[in-house]
N, C-alpha and C. Protein backbone atom coordinates (compact mmCIF):
# COMPACT_ATOMS: atom_id res chain seq x y z
N MET A 1 0.82 -1.20 0.00
CA MET A 1 0.00 0.00 0.00
C MET A 1 0.85 1.25 0.00
N THR A 2 1.91 1.29 0.83
CA THR A 2 2.73 2.48 0.91
C THR A 2 3.58 2.68 -0.34
N ASN A 3 3.76 1.63 -1.13
CA ASN A 3 4.56 1.76 -2.34
C ASN A 3 3.74 2.23 -3.54
N ARG A 4 2.44 2.32 -3.38
CA ARG A 4 1.60 2.75 -4.49
C ARG A 4 1.85 4.22 -4.80
N ALA A 5 1.84 4.54 -6.09
CA ALA A 5 1.99 5.93 -6.50
C ALA A 5 0.74 6.70 -6.09
N SER A 6 0.94 7.87 -5.50
CA SER A 6 -0.17 8.68 -5.01
C SER A 6 -0.31 9.95 -5.84
N ILE A 7 -1.54 10.29 -6.14
CA ILE A 7 -1.89 11.47 -6.91
C ILE A 7 -2.93 12.25 -6.13
N ALA A 8 -2.88 13.57 -6.19
CA ALA A 8 -3.91 14.40 -5.55
C ALA A 8 -4.71 15.13 -6.63
N LEU A 9 -6.00 14.82 -6.68
CA LEU A 9 -6.91 15.57 -7.53
C LEU A 9 -7.45 16.74 -6.73
N THR A 10 -7.40 17.94 -7.32
CA THR A 10 -7.92 19.12 -6.64
C THR A 10 -8.92 19.83 -7.53
N PHE A 11 -9.92 20.42 -6.88
CA PHE A 11 -11.00 21.08 -7.60
C PHE A 11 -11.22 22.46 -6.99
N ASP A 12 -11.21 23.48 -7.84
CA ASP A 12 -11.33 24.87 -7.40
C ASP A 12 -12.71 25.46 -7.71
N ASP A 13 -13.04 26.49 -6.96
CA ASP A 13 -14.13 27.44 -7.23
C ASP A 13 -15.51 27.02 -6.74
N GLY A 14 -15.66 25.81 -6.19
CA GLY A 14 -16.96 25.38 -5.70
C GLY A 14 -17.23 25.89 -4.31
N PRO A 15 -18.26 25.32 -3.68
CA PRO A 15 -19.09 24.23 -4.20
C PRO A 15 -20.13 24.70 -5.22
N ASP A 16 -20.46 23.81 -6.12
CA ASP A 16 -21.46 24.08 -7.15
C ASP A 16 -22.63 23.12 -6.93
N PRO A 17 -23.88 23.61 -7.03
CA PRO A 17 -25.02 22.76 -6.71
C PRO A 17 -25.25 21.62 -7.68
N THR A 18 -24.78 21.74 -8.90
CA THR A 18 -24.95 20.68 -9.90
C THR A 18 -23.72 19.79 -9.99
N HIS A 19 -22.56 20.41 -10.22
CA HIS A 19 -21.36 19.65 -10.56
C HIS A 19 -20.66 19.01 -9.38
N THR A 20 -20.63 19.69 -8.24
CA THR A 20 -19.91 19.11 -7.09
C THR A 20 -20.53 17.79 -6.63
N PRO A 21 -21.87 17.70 -6.46
CA PRO A 21 -22.44 16.40 -6.07
C PRO A 21 -22.19 15.28 -7.10
N LEU A 22 -22.24 15.62 -8.39
CA LEU A 22 -21.95 14.62 -9.41
C LEU A 22 -20.50 14.14 -9.30
N LEU A 23 -19.61 15.07 -9.10
CA LEU A 23 -18.20 14.74 -8.94
C LEU A 23 -17.97 13.88 -7.69
N LEU A 24 -18.65 14.24 -6.61
CA LEU A 24 -18.53 13.45 -5.38
C LEU A 24 -18.99 12.02 -5.61
N ASN A 25 -20.04 11.84 -6.40
CA ASN A 25 -20.51 10.48 -6.71
C ASN A 25 -19.46 9.68 -7.48
N VAL A 26 -18.82 10.31 -8.44
CA VAL A 26 -17.76 9.64 -9.21
C VAL A 26 -16.61 9.24 -8.29
N LEU A 27 -16.19 10.17 -7.44
CA LEU A 27 -15.09 9.88 -6.52
C LEU A 27 -15.45 8.73 -5.59
N LYS A 28 -16.68 8.73 -5.10
CA LYS A 28 -17.13 7.65 -4.20
C LYS A 28 -17.13 6.31 -4.90
N GLN A 29 -17.63 6.27 -6.13
CA GLN A 29 -17.66 5.01 -6.89
C GLN A 29 -16.27 4.41 -7.06
N HIS A 30 -15.27 5.27 -7.16
CA HIS A 30 -13.90 4.79 -7.41
C HIS A 30 -13.03 4.84 -6.17
N LYS A 31 -13.66 5.08 -5.02
CA LYS A 31 -12.95 5.11 -3.73
C LYS A 31 -11.73 6.04 -3.79
N ALA A 32 -11.93 7.20 -4.36
CA ALA A 32 -10.86 8.18 -4.50
C ALA A 32 -11.13 9.38 -3.59
N GLN A 33 -10.08 9.89 -2.99
CA GLN A 33 -10.18 11.10 -2.19
C GLN A 33 -9.68 12.28 -3.01
N ALA A 34 -10.16 13.48 -2.65
CA ALA A 34 -9.75 14.68 -3.37
C ALA A 34 -9.73 15.86 -2.40
N THR A 35 -9.21 16.97 -2.89
CA THR A 35 -9.18 18.22 -2.13
C THR A 35 -9.94 19.28 -2.91
N PHE A 36 -10.85 19.95 -2.22
CA PHE A 36 -11.69 20.99 -2.83
C PHE A 36 -11.31 22.34 -2.26
N PHE A 37 -10.84 23.23 -3.12
CA PHE A 37 -10.52 24.59 -2.71
C PHE A 37 -11.74 25.46 -2.97
N LEU A 38 -12.44 25.79 -1.88
CA LEU A 38 -13.73 26.47 -1.99
C LEU A 38 -13.62 27.99 -1.93
N VAL A 39 -14.58 28.63 -2.55
CA VAL A 39 -14.71 30.08 -2.56
C VAL A 39 -15.85 30.45 -1.60
N GLY A 40 -15.64 31.47 -0.80
CA GLY A 40 -16.60 31.86 0.22
C GLY A 40 -17.99 32.19 -0.30
N LYS A 41 -18.05 32.91 -1.40
CA LYS A 41 -19.36 33.29 -1.94
C LYS A 41 -20.16 32.06 -2.37
N GLN A 42 -19.48 31.02 -2.79
CA GLN A 42 -20.16 29.75 -3.14
C GLN A 42 -20.53 29.00 -1.86
N LEU A 43 -19.62 28.99 -0.90
CA LEU A 43 -19.87 28.30 0.35
C LEU A 43 -21.08 28.87 1.07
N GLU A 44 -21.26 30.17 1.01
CA GLU A 44 -22.43 30.82 1.64
C GLU A 44 -23.73 30.27 1.05
N GLN A 45 -23.74 30.04 -0.24
CA GLN A 45 -24.95 29.59 -0.91
C GLN A 45 -25.19 28.09 -0.74
N TYR A 46 -24.12 27.31 -0.64
CA TYR A 46 -24.25 25.85 -0.66
C TYR A 46 -23.49 25.18 0.49
N PRO A 47 -23.79 25.56 1.73
CA PRO A 47 -23.05 24.97 2.86
C PRO A 47 -23.23 23.46 2.99
N ASP A 48 -24.40 22.96 2.62
CA ASP A 48 -24.62 21.51 2.75
C ASP A 48 -23.71 20.71 1.83
N ILE A 49 -23.35 21.28 0.70
CA ILE A 49 -22.43 20.56 -0.21
C ILE A 49 -21.03 20.50 0.41
N ALA A 50 -20.64 21.58 1.08
CA ALA A 50 -19.34 21.58 1.77
C ALA A 50 -19.33 20.51 2.87
N LYS A 51 -20.44 20.40 3.59
CA LYS A 51 -20.53 19.37 4.63
C LYS A 51 -20.44 17.98 4.01
N GLN A 52 -21.06 17.80 2.85
CA GLN A 52 -21.01 16.52 2.16
C GLN A 52 -19.56 16.17 1.76
N ILE A 53 -18.82 17.18 1.31
CA ILE A 53 -17.41 16.96 0.93
C ILE A 53 -16.65 16.36 2.11
N ILE A 54 -16.83 16.94 3.28
CA ILE A 54 -16.13 16.46 4.48
C ILE A 54 -16.65 15.09 4.90
N THR A 55 -17.97 14.94 4.92
CA THR A 55 -18.57 13.67 5.33
C THR A 55 -18.09 12.51 4.49
N GLU A 56 -17.84 12.78 3.20
CA GLU A 56 -17.43 11.70 2.29
C GLU A 56 -15.91 11.49 2.28
N GLY A 57 -15.21 12.13 3.21
CA GLY A 57 -13.79 11.82 3.39
C GLY A 57 -12.80 12.66 2.60
N HIS A 58 -13.27 13.74 2.00
CA HIS A 58 -12.39 14.63 1.26
C HIS A 58 -11.95 15.77 2.17
N GLU A 59 -11.14 16.66 1.64
CA GLU A 59 -10.76 17.81 2.44
C GLU A 59 -11.05 19.11 1.71
N ILE A 60 -11.17 20.17 2.50
CA ILE A 60 -11.47 21.50 1.97
C ILE A 60 -10.30 22.42 2.23
N GLY A 61 -9.94 23.17 1.20
CA GLY A 61 -8.92 24.21 1.33
C GLY A 61 -9.53 25.56 1.07
N ASN A 62 -8.81 26.59 1.47
CA ASN A 62 -9.23 27.98 1.36
C ASN A 62 -8.82 28.52 -0.02
N HIS A 63 -9.81 29.03 -0.75
CA HIS A 63 -9.56 29.62 -2.07
C HIS A 63 -10.03 31.08 -2.09
N THR A 64 -10.05 31.68 -0.90
CA THR A 64 -10.47 33.06 -0.62
C THR A 64 -11.99 33.20 -0.58
N TYR A 65 -12.42 34.34 -0.08
CA TYR A 65 -13.85 34.60 0.01
C TYR A 65 -14.45 34.96 -1.35
N SER A 66 -13.79 35.87 -2.09
CA SER A 66 -14.43 36.38 -3.32
C SER A 66 -13.65 36.11 -4.61
N HIS A 67 -12.59 35.31 -4.53
CA HIS A 67 -11.80 34.91 -5.72
C HIS A 67 -11.19 36.11 -6.46
N PRO A 68 -10.53 37.01 -5.75
CA PRO A 68 -9.87 38.14 -6.44
C PRO A 68 -8.47 37.78 -6.91
N ASN A 69 -7.91 38.64 -7.73
CA ASN A 69 -6.49 38.58 -8.05
C ASN A 69 -5.78 39.18 -6.85
N LEU A 70 -5.19 38.34 -6.02
CA LEU A 70 -4.60 38.80 -4.76
C LEU A 70 -3.42 39.74 -4.97
N ARG A 71 -2.79 39.67 -6.12
CA ARG A 71 -1.64 40.57 -6.37
C ARG A 71 -2.08 42.03 -6.47
N LYS A 72 -3.37 42.26 -6.68
CA LYS A 72 -3.88 43.63 -6.80
C LYS A 72 -4.37 44.18 -5.46
N LEU A 73 -4.27 43.39 -4.40
CA LEU A 73 -4.75 43.81 -3.09
C LEU A 73 -3.57 44.11 -2.17
N ASP A 74 -3.83 44.93 -1.15
CA ASP A 74 -2.78 45.14 -0.16
C ASP A 74 -2.82 44.02 0.88
N TYR A 75 -1.85 44.03 1.77
CA TYR A 75 -1.72 42.94 2.74
C TYR A 75 -3.00 42.75 3.54
N GLN A 76 -3.58 43.84 4.06
CA GLN A 76 -4.77 43.73 4.91
C GLN A 76 -5.95 43.14 4.14
N GLN A 77 -6.12 43.53 2.89
CA GLN A 77 -7.21 42.99 2.07
C GLN A 77 -7.01 41.49 1.82
N ILE A 78 -5.77 41.10 1.57
CA ILE A 78 -5.46 39.68 1.35
C ILE A 78 -5.76 38.89 2.62
N TYR A 79 -5.29 39.42 3.76
CA TYR A 79 -5.52 38.75 5.02
C TYR A 79 -7.02 38.57 5.28
N GLU A 80 -7.81 39.61 5.02
CA GLU A 80 -9.25 39.52 5.24
C GLU A 80 -9.90 38.48 4.33
N GLU A 81 -9.48 38.41 3.08
CA GLU A 81 -10.01 37.40 2.16
C GLU A 81 -9.80 35.99 2.71
N LEU A 82 -8.60 35.76 3.23
CA LEU A 82 -8.28 34.45 3.76
C LEU A 82 -8.94 34.20 5.11
N TYR A 83 -8.94 35.22 5.96
CA TYR A 83 -9.47 35.07 7.30
C TYR A 83 -10.98 34.84 7.30
N ILE A 84 -11.70 35.61 6.51
CA ILE A 84 -13.16 35.44 6.43
C ILE A 84 -13.49 34.03 5.94
N MET A 85 -12.78 33.58 4.91
CA MET A 85 -13.03 32.24 4.38
C MET A 85 -12.67 31.18 5.41
N ASP A 86 -11.59 31.40 6.13
CA ASP A 86 -11.17 30.48 7.17
C ASP A 86 -12.30 30.30 8.20
N LEU A 87 -12.85 31.41 8.65
CA LEU A 87 -13.94 31.36 9.63
C LEU A 87 -15.16 30.64 9.06
N MET A 88 -15.46 30.91 7.79
CA MET A 88 -16.61 30.26 7.16
C MET A 88 -16.45 28.75 7.11
N ILE A 89 -15.27 28.28 6.71
CA ILE A 89 -15.03 26.84 6.62
C ILE A 89 -15.17 26.20 8.00
N ARG A 90 -14.60 26.84 9.02
CA ARG A 90 -14.69 26.30 10.38
C ARG A 90 -16.14 26.26 10.86
N THR A 91 -16.88 27.32 10.58
CA THR A 91 -18.27 27.42 11.03
C THR A 91 -19.15 26.38 10.34
N VAL A 92 -18.98 26.24 9.04
CA VAL A 92 -19.85 25.34 8.26
C VAL A 92 -19.49 23.88 8.48
N THR A 93 -18.20 23.56 8.49
CA THR A 93 -17.78 22.14 8.50
C THR A 93 -17.25 21.65 9.83
N GLY A 94 -16.87 22.56 10.72
CA GLY A 94 -16.23 22.14 11.96
C GLY A 94 -14.78 21.76 11.78
N GLN A 95 -14.27 21.90 10.57
CA GLN A 95 -12.88 21.56 10.25
C GLN A 95 -12.02 22.82 10.23
N SER A 96 -10.76 22.67 10.56
CA SER A 96 -9.80 23.78 10.49
C SER A 96 -8.95 23.60 9.24
N PRO A 97 -9.17 24.43 8.23
CA PRO A 97 -8.40 24.26 6.98
C PRO A 97 -6.93 24.59 7.19
N THR A 98 -6.08 23.86 6.48
CA THR A 98 -4.63 24.10 6.57
C THR A 98 -4.02 24.41 5.21
N LEU A 99 -4.82 24.23 4.13
CA LEU A 99 -4.31 24.43 2.78
C LEU A 99 -4.98 25.63 2.14
N PHE A 100 -4.21 26.33 1.33
CA PHE A 100 -4.70 27.52 0.64
C PHE A 100 -4.17 27.50 -0.79
N ARG A 101 -5.07 27.83 -1.72
CA ARG A 101 -4.63 28.01 -3.12
C ARG A 101 -5.07 29.39 -3.57
N PRO A 102 -4.12 30.21 -4.05
CA PRO A 102 -4.50 31.54 -4.51
C PRO A 102 -5.28 31.47 -5.83
N PRO A 103 -6.33 32.28 -5.95
CA PRO A 103 -7.05 32.33 -7.23
C PRO A 103 -6.10 32.64 -8.38
N TYR A 104 -6.32 31.98 -9.50
CA TYR A 104 -5.51 32.13 -10.71
C TYR A 104 -4.05 31.72 -10.50
N LEU A 105 -3.74 31.18 -9.31
CA LEU A 105 -2.38 30.83 -8.89
C LEU A 105 -1.48 32.07 -8.79
N TYR A 106 -2.09 33.25 -8.65
CA TYR A 106 -1.34 34.51 -8.55
C TYR A 106 -1.01 34.79 -7.09
N TYR A 107 0.26 35.06 -6.84
CA TYR A 107 0.65 35.41 -5.47
C TYR A 107 1.88 36.30 -5.49
N ASN A 108 2.14 36.92 -4.36
CA ASN A 108 3.34 37.74 -4.16
C ASN A 108 3.72 37.63 -2.68
N ASP A 109 4.66 38.45 -2.24
CA ASP A 109 5.13 38.36 -0.85
C ASP A 109 4.02 38.60 0.16
N ASN A 110 3.11 39.54 -0.13
CA ASN A 110 2.01 39.81 0.80
C ASN A 110 1.08 38.59 0.94
N VAL A 111 0.86 37.90 -0.15
CA VAL A 111 0.02 36.70 -0.11
C VAL A 111 0.71 35.64 0.75
N LEU A 112 2.00 35.44 0.53
CA LEU A 112 2.74 34.46 1.31
C LEU A 112 2.74 34.80 2.80
N LYS A 113 2.89 36.10 3.12
CA LYS A 113 2.90 36.52 4.53
C LYS A 113 1.54 36.30 5.18
N ALA A 114 0.48 36.65 4.48
CA ALA A 114 -0.88 36.48 5.04
C ALA A 114 -1.19 35.00 5.25
N ALA A 115 -0.84 34.18 4.27
CA ALA A 115 -1.08 32.74 4.39
C ALA A 115 -0.29 32.16 5.57
N LYS A 116 0.95 32.57 5.70
CA LYS A 116 1.78 32.07 6.79
C LYS A 116 1.21 32.50 8.14
N LYS A 117 0.78 33.75 8.25
CA LYS A 117 0.24 34.25 9.51
C LYS A 117 -0.98 33.44 9.95
N LEU A 118 -1.76 32.97 8.99
CA LEU A 118 -2.95 32.18 9.30
C LEU A 118 -2.65 30.67 9.38
N GLY A 119 -1.40 30.31 9.21
CA GLY A 119 -1.00 28.91 9.35
C GLY A 119 -1.29 28.05 8.13
N TYR A 120 -1.39 28.67 6.97
CA TYR A 120 -1.70 27.92 5.75
C TYR A 120 -0.45 27.48 5.02
N GLU A 121 -0.57 26.33 4.39
CA GLU A 121 0.42 25.86 3.43
C GLU A 121 -0.15 26.19 2.04
N MET A 122 0.58 26.96 1.25
CA MET A 122 0.08 27.33 -0.08
C MET A 122 0.32 26.18 -1.05
N ILE A 123 -0.72 25.83 -1.79
CA ILE A 123 -0.69 24.72 -2.72
C ILE A 123 -0.91 25.26 -4.14
N LEU A 124 -0.02 24.93 -5.04
CA LEU A 124 -0.21 25.30 -6.44
C LEU A 124 -0.64 24.04 -7.19
N ARG A 125 0.11 23.61 -8.18
CA ARG A 125 -0.23 22.39 -8.91
C ARG A 125 0.99 21.96 -9.72
N SER A 126 1.02 20.68 -10.09
CA SER A 126 2.06 20.21 -11.00
C SER A 126 1.46 19.86 -12.37
N ILE A 127 0.14 19.63 -12.40
CA ILE A 127 -0.54 19.39 -13.67
C ILE A 127 -1.72 20.35 -13.78
N GLU A 128 -1.74 21.10 -14.85
CA GLU A 128 -2.81 22.06 -15.15
C GLU A 128 -3.65 21.50 -16.30
N THR A 129 -4.94 21.33 -16.08
CA THR A 129 -5.79 20.75 -17.12
C THR A 129 -6.43 21.80 -18.03
N PHE A 130 -6.46 23.04 -17.59
CA PHE A 130 -7.14 24.12 -18.32
C PHE A 130 -8.60 23.77 -18.61
N ASP A 131 -9.20 22.98 -17.72
CA ASP A 131 -10.58 22.56 -17.94
C ASP A 131 -11.55 23.73 -17.95
N TYR A 132 -11.17 24.84 -17.31
CA TYR A 132 -12.05 26.02 -17.30
C TYR A 132 -12.22 26.62 -18.68
N ARG A 133 -11.33 26.26 -19.60
CA ARG A 133 -11.45 26.73 -20.99
C ARG A 133 -12.36 25.82 -21.83
N ASN A 134 -12.88 24.77 -21.21
CA ASN A 134 -13.73 23.77 -21.89
C ASN A 134 -13.05 23.19 -23.14
N PRO A 135 -11.88 22.58 -22.97
CA PRO A 135 -11.17 22.02 -24.12
C PRO A 135 -11.73 20.70 -24.61
N GLY A 136 -12.64 20.11 -23.86
CA GLY A 136 -13.20 18.80 -24.22
C GLY A 136 -12.60 17.70 -23.36
N VAL A 137 -13.35 16.61 -23.27
CA VAL A 137 -12.98 15.50 -22.40
C VAL A 137 -11.61 14.93 -22.76
N ARG A 138 -11.37 14.69 -24.05
CA ARG A 138 -10.10 14.07 -24.46
C ARG A 138 -8.88 14.90 -24.07
N LYS A 139 -8.96 16.21 -24.23
CA LYS A 139 -7.82 17.06 -23.88
C LYS A 139 -7.58 17.10 -22.37
N ILE A 140 -8.67 17.10 -21.61
CA ILE A 140 -8.50 17.07 -20.15
C ILE A 140 -7.81 15.78 -19.74
N ILE A 141 -8.29 14.66 -20.27
CA ILE A 141 -7.69 13.36 -19.95
C ILE A 141 -6.21 13.34 -20.36
N LYS A 142 -5.92 13.79 -21.57
CA LYS A 142 -4.53 13.78 -22.06
C LYS A 142 -3.63 14.66 -21.19
N SER A 143 -4.14 15.80 -20.74
CA SER A 143 -3.31 16.69 -19.92
C SER A 143 -2.91 16.01 -18.60
N VAL A 144 -3.78 15.12 -18.11
CA VAL A 144 -3.46 14.42 -16.86
C VAL A 144 -2.64 13.18 -17.12
N LEU A 145 -3.09 12.32 -17.99
CA LEU A 145 -2.42 11.04 -18.20
C LEU A 145 -1.11 11.14 -18.96
N GLY A 146 -0.94 12.26 -19.71
CA GLY A 146 0.25 12.42 -20.53
C GLY A 146 1.56 12.39 -19.78
N ASN A 147 1.59 12.96 -18.57
CA ASN A 147 2.84 13.04 -17.81
C ASN A 147 2.68 12.66 -16.35
N LEU A 148 1.67 11.93 -16.02
CA LEU A 148 1.34 11.65 -14.62
C LEU A 148 2.44 10.86 -13.92
N LYS A 149 2.78 11.30 -12.70
CA LYS A 149 3.77 10.59 -11.89
C LYS A 149 3.44 10.73 -10.41
N HIS A 150 4.06 9.91 -9.62
CA HIS A 150 3.84 9.93 -8.17
C HIS A 150 4.04 11.35 -7.63
N GLY A 151 3.11 11.77 -6.78
CA GLY A 151 3.24 13.07 -6.13
C GLY A 151 2.60 14.22 -6.87
N ASP A 152 2.04 13.97 -8.04
CA ASP A 152 1.43 15.07 -8.80
C ASP A 152 0.18 15.61 -8.10
N ILE A 153 0.00 16.92 -8.26
CA ILE A 153 -1.20 17.61 -7.81
C ILE A 153 -1.87 18.15 -9.07
N VAL A 154 -3.08 17.64 -9.34
CA VAL A 154 -3.80 17.97 -10.56
C VAL A 154 -4.84 19.05 -10.26
N LEU A 155 -4.83 20.10 -11.07
CA LEU A 155 -5.77 21.22 -10.88
C LEU A 155 -6.93 21.12 -11.88
N MET A 156 -8.14 21.06 -11.32
CA MET A 156 -9.37 21.09 -12.12
C MET A 156 -10.39 21.98 -11.41
N HIS A 157 -11.57 22.07 -11.96
CA HIS A 157 -12.61 22.93 -11.41
C HIS A 157 -13.93 22.19 -11.32
N ASP A 158 -14.67 22.46 -10.24
CA ASP A 158 -16.00 21.86 -10.10
C ASP A 158 -17.09 22.95 -10.18
N ALA A 159 -16.69 24.18 -10.47
CA ALA A 159 -17.64 25.29 -10.57
C ALA A 159 -17.10 26.31 -11.57
N GLY A 160 -17.89 27.36 -11.78
CA GLY A 160 -17.46 28.43 -12.68
C GLY A 160 -17.85 28.20 -14.12
N GLY A 161 -18.85 27.40 -14.36
CA GLY A 161 -19.30 27.10 -15.73
C GLY A 161 -19.75 25.66 -15.81
N ASN A 162 -20.00 25.20 -17.03
CA ASN A 162 -20.42 23.83 -17.23
C ASN A 162 -19.20 22.92 -17.06
N ARG A 163 -19.23 22.06 -16.06
CA ARG A 163 -18.09 21.18 -15.75
C ARG A 163 -18.39 19.72 -16.05
N MET A 164 -19.36 19.45 -16.91
CA MET A 164 -19.68 18.06 -17.24
C MET A 164 -18.51 17.35 -17.92
N ASP A 165 -17.76 18.06 -18.76
CA ASP A 165 -16.59 17.45 -19.39
C ASP A 165 -15.54 17.06 -18.34
N THR A 166 -15.38 17.91 -17.34
CA THR A 166 -14.44 17.61 -16.26
C THR A 166 -14.87 16.35 -15.53
N ILE A 167 -16.14 16.26 -15.20
CA ILE A 167 -16.65 15.11 -14.47
C ILE A 167 -16.46 13.82 -15.28
N THR A 168 -16.78 13.88 -16.56
CA THR A 168 -16.58 12.72 -17.45
C THR A 168 -15.11 12.35 -17.52
N ALA A 169 -14.25 13.35 -17.65
CA ALA A 169 -12.81 13.11 -17.72
C ALA A 169 -12.29 12.50 -16.43
N VAL A 170 -12.75 13.00 -15.29
CA VAL A 170 -12.30 12.48 -14.01
C VAL A 170 -12.61 10.99 -13.90
N GLU A 171 -13.81 10.59 -14.32
CA GLU A 171 -14.16 9.17 -14.24
C GLU A 171 -13.21 8.33 -15.09
N LYS A 172 -12.93 8.77 -16.30
CA LYS A 172 -12.03 8.01 -17.18
C LYS A 172 -10.60 8.01 -16.63
N ILE A 173 -10.17 9.12 -16.06
CA ILE A 173 -8.82 9.21 -15.46
C ILE A 173 -8.71 8.23 -14.29
N LEU A 174 -9.74 8.21 -13.44
CA LEU A 174 -9.72 7.29 -12.30
C LEU A 174 -9.65 5.84 -12.75
N ILE A 175 -10.43 5.49 -13.76
CA ILE A 175 -10.43 4.11 -14.28
C ILE A 175 -9.05 3.73 -14.81
N GLU A 176 -8.48 4.60 -15.63
CA GLU A 176 -7.15 4.31 -16.21
C GLU A 176 -6.06 4.23 -15.15
N CYS A 177 -6.08 5.16 -14.21
CA CYS A 177 -5.03 5.19 -13.20
C CYS A 177 -5.15 4.05 -12.21
N GLN A 178 -6.36 3.64 -11.92
CA GLN A 178 -6.51 2.53 -10.98
C GLN A 178 -6.05 1.22 -11.61
N LYS A 179 -6.10 1.12 -12.93
CA LYS A 179 -5.53 -0.05 -13.61
C LYS A 179 -4.01 -0.12 -13.37
N LYS A 180 -3.40 1.06 -13.21
CA LYS A 180 -1.95 1.14 -13.00
C LYS A 180 -1.61 1.20 -11.52
N ASP A 181 -2.62 0.97 -10.66
CA ASP A 181 -2.45 0.92 -9.22
C ASP A 181 -2.09 2.27 -8.59
N TYR A 182 -2.48 3.38 -9.22
CA TYR A 182 -2.35 4.68 -8.57
C TYR A 182 -3.42 4.78 -7.51
N GLN A 183 -3.12 5.52 -6.44
CA GLN A 183 -4.16 5.84 -5.47
C GLN A 183 -4.36 7.35 -5.45
N PHE A 184 -5.58 7.76 -5.20
CA PHE A 184 -5.94 9.18 -5.19
C PHE A 184 -6.18 9.61 -3.76
N VAL A 185 -5.37 10.56 -3.31
CA VAL A 185 -5.37 10.96 -1.91
C VAL A 185 -5.57 12.47 -1.77
N LYS A 186 -5.90 12.89 -0.57
CA LYS A 186 -6.00 14.31 -0.27
C LYS A 186 -4.61 14.94 -0.34
N VAL A 187 -4.55 16.22 -0.65
CA VAL A 187 -3.26 16.91 -0.73
C VAL A 187 -2.50 16.79 0.59
N SER A 188 -3.18 16.97 1.69
CA SER A 188 -2.49 16.90 3.00
C SER A 188 -1.81 15.56 3.20
N LYS A 189 -2.45 14.48 2.77
CA LYS A 189 -1.84 13.15 2.89
C LYS A 189 -0.65 13.03 1.95
N LEU A 190 -0.79 13.56 0.75
CA LEU A 190 0.30 13.51 -0.21
C LEU A 190 1.54 14.25 0.32
N LEU A 191 1.32 15.41 0.92
CA LEU A 191 2.43 16.22 1.43
C LEU A 191 3.13 15.57 2.60
N HIS A 192 2.40 14.78 3.35
CA HIS A 192 2.99 14.22 4.57
C HIS A 192 3.37 12.76 4.42
N LYS A 193 3.47 12.29 3.17
CA LYS A 193 3.94 10.92 2.93
C LYS A 193 5.44 10.91 2.92
């Protein structure tokens, strides 16, 4: 078990009332864990979906309250974006988030300082699917399977538009990778292996 290659699937911008539950069903069918980087404005609208994410054994990370370009904000504004979202996650799920992903993957020294002050580990990605551009199922699959290796963190989205191609691609990726004995784990587990 410990020798199996581990991959972390991550999903940004949710929770989404349509796509996140469908994605959770796919992950459950394939006994895969994932990490969801949630946005506060979405969490306010769909707290029960966030609770479902936790109940089903996945983890939630902080993706800010309003999904701004953090490089355009000052330190205090960045801190507030993270802090408000931190409180929301704790209130809704009872969990204390430890992972943070900056929107658009944009960051600077102020972002790093604010994240550190709140005790966050900043997570980027090693595989970018560009699924938010709706490239189609085949391109999403190819972007993941083309160079997949132990320790990869895959970036996808469960909100912000029609994500049916992403969900279809995830199922096919899980099937192919499980044939090769990959396991899908939460980012926190991947980092601490």
